[in-house]
């Protein structure tokens, strides 16, 4: 994947509410393409998991796994 495409994915992740207020782009200038892609995939996975938790599962009324109730 070209670096410009990686930066586009990174900018998209940076705009998500889960990452808002954090700068996930600072060290990317020092990363090679493989490390940058892994960095982006990490945040994309966090965002995807966040969406799943706040999606259909949350609407079903189930309690979180670590709930004391």
C-alpha atoms as a PDB file:
ATOM      1  CA  UNK A   1       0.000   0.000   0.000  1.00  0.00           C
ATOM      2  CA  UNK A   2       1.297   3.442  -0.872  1.00  0.00           C
ATOM      3  CA  UNK A   3       2.203   5.810   1.922  1.00  0.00           C
ATOM      4  CA  UNK A   4      -0.319   8.390   0.751  1.00  0.00           C
ATOM      5  CA  UNK A   5      -3.074   5.760   1.092  1.00  0.00           C
ATOM      6  CA  UNK A   6      -1.855   4.910   4.581  1.00  0.00           C
ATOM      7  CA  UNK A   7      -1.980   8.573   5.563  1.00  0.00           C
ATOM      8  CA  UNK A   8      -5.559   8.831   4.248  1.00  0.00           C
ATOM      9  CA  UNK A   9      -6.566   5.875   6.448  1.00  0.00           C
ATOM     10  CA  UNK A  10      -4.759   7.443   9.403  1.00  0.00           C
ATOM     11  CA  UNK A  11      -6.555  10.765   8.931  1.00  0.00           C
ATOM     12  CA  UNK A  12      -9.900   8.945   8.795  1.00  0.00           C
ATOM     13  CA  UNK A  13      -9.125   7.131  12.058  1.00  0.00           C
ATOM     14  CA  UNK A  14      -7.960  10.384  13.678  1.00  0.00           C
ATOM     15  CA  UNK A  15     -11.401  11.923  13.063  1.00  0.00           C
ATOM     16  CA  UNK A  16     -13.283   9.194  14.959  1.00  0.00           C
ATOM     17  CA  UNK A  17     -14.780  10.177  18.332  1.00  0.00           C
ATOM     18  CA  UNK A  18     -12.891   7.379  20.081  1.00  0.00           C
ATOM     19  CA  UNK A  19      -9.536   8.887  19.105  1.00  0.00           C
ATOM     20  CA  UNK A  20     -10.539  12.552  19.197  1.00  0.00           C
ATOM     21  CA  UNK A  21      -8.246  14.526  21.493  1.00  0.00           C
ATOM     22  CA  UNK A  22      -5.343  12.120  20.919  1.00  0.00           C
ATOM     23  CA  UNK A  23      -2.730  12.710  18.260  1.00  0.00           C
ATOM     24  CA  UNK A  24      -2.082   9.346  16.647  1.00  0.00           C
ATOM     25  CA  UNK A  25      -0.090  10.921  13.814  1.00  0.00           C
ATOM     26  CA  UNK A  26       2.948  12.400  15.578  1.00  0.00           C
ATOM     27  CA  UNK A  27       5.397   9.531  15.279  1.00  0.00           C
ATOM     28  CA  UNK A  28       4.244   8.299  11.877  1.00  0.00           C
ATOM     29  CA  UNK A  29       6.971  10.266  10.088  1.00  0.00           C
ATOM     30  CA  UNK A  30       9.507   7.966  11.739  1.00  0.00           C
ATOM     31  CA  UNK A  31       7.710   4.717  10.850  1.00  0.00           C
ATOM     32  CA  UNK A  32       8.320   2.634   7.774  1.00  0.00           C
ATOM     33  CA  UNK A  33       5.249   1.608   5.760  1.00  0.00           C
ATOM     34  CA  UNK A  34       4.861  -1.745   7.535  1.00  0.00           C
ATOM     35  CA  UNK A  35       4.976  -0.180  11.008  1.00  0.00           C
ATOM     36  CA  UNK A  36       2.620   2.586   9.889  1.00  0.00           C
ATOM     37  CA  UNK A  37       0.123   0.076   8.528  1.00  0.00           C
ATOM     38  CA  UNK A  38       0.225  -1.893  11.801  1.00  0.00           C
ATOM     39  CA  UNK A  39      -0.293   1.349  13.744  1.00  0.00           C
ATOM     40  CA  UNK A  40      -3.308   2.233  11.619  1.00  0.00           C
ATOM     41  CA  UNK A  41      -4.759  -1.267  11.844  1.00  0.00           C
ATOM     42  CA  UNK A  42      -4.534  -1.072  15.632  1.00  0.00           C
ATOM     43  CA  UNK A  43      -6.689   2.059  15.725  1.00  0.00           C
ATOM     44  CA  UNK A  44      -9.055   0.786  13.034  1.00  0.00           C
ATOM     45  CA  UNK A  45      -9.602  -2.349  15.132  1.00  0.00           C
ATOM     46  CA  UNK A  46     -10.291  -0.259  18.256  1.00  0.00           C
ATOM     47  CA  UNK A  47     -12.800   1.799  16.300  1.00  0.00           C
ATOM     48  CA  UNK A  48     -14.457  -1.305  14.847  1.00  0.00           C
ATOM     49  CA  UNK A  49     -14.736  -2.938  18.278  1.00  0.00           C
ATOM     50  CA  UNK A  50     -16.139   0.292  19.720  1.00  0.00           C
ATOM     51  CA  UNK A  51     -18.786   0.299  16.992  1.00  0.00           C
ATOM     52  CA  UNK A  52     -19.720  -3.305  17.741  1.00  0.00           C
ATOM     53  CA  UNK A  53     -20.098  -2.566  21.463  1.00  0.00           C
ATOM     54  CA  UNK A  54     -22.333   0.401  20.748  1.00  0.00           C
ATOM     55  CA  UNK A  55     -24.243  -1.334  17.973  1.00  0.00           C
ATOM     56  CA  UNK A  56     -26.655  -4.262  18.103  1.00  0.00           C
ATOM     57  CA  UNK A  57     -25.166  -5.762  21.271  1.00  0.00           C
ATOM     58  CA  UNK A  58     -25.870  -2.615  23.275  1.00  0.00           C
ATOM     59  CA  UNK A  59     -29.433  -2.477  21.966  1.00  0.00           C
ATOM     60  CA  UNK A  60     -30.137  -6.043  23.079  1.00  0.00           C
ATOM     61  CA  UNK A  61     -29.937  -5.012  26.717  1.00  0.00           C
ATOM     62  CA  UNK A  62     -27.067  -7.300  27.611  1.00  0.00           C
ATOM     63  CA  UNK A  63     -24.735  -6.210  30.392  1.00  0.00           C
ATOM     64  CA  UNK A  64     -21.021  -5.689  29.788  1.00  0.00           C
ATOM     65  CA  UNK A  65     -18.816  -8.659  30.681  1.00  0.00           C
ATOM     66  CA  UNK A  66     -17.167  -6.881  33.609  1.00  0.00           C
ATOM     67  CA  UNK A  67     -20.391  -5.570  35.096  1.00  0.00           C
ATOM     68  CA  UNK A  68     -20.935  -6.074  38.809  1.00  0.00           C
ATOM     69  CA  UNK A  69     -24.742  -6.243  38.411  1.00  0.00           C
END
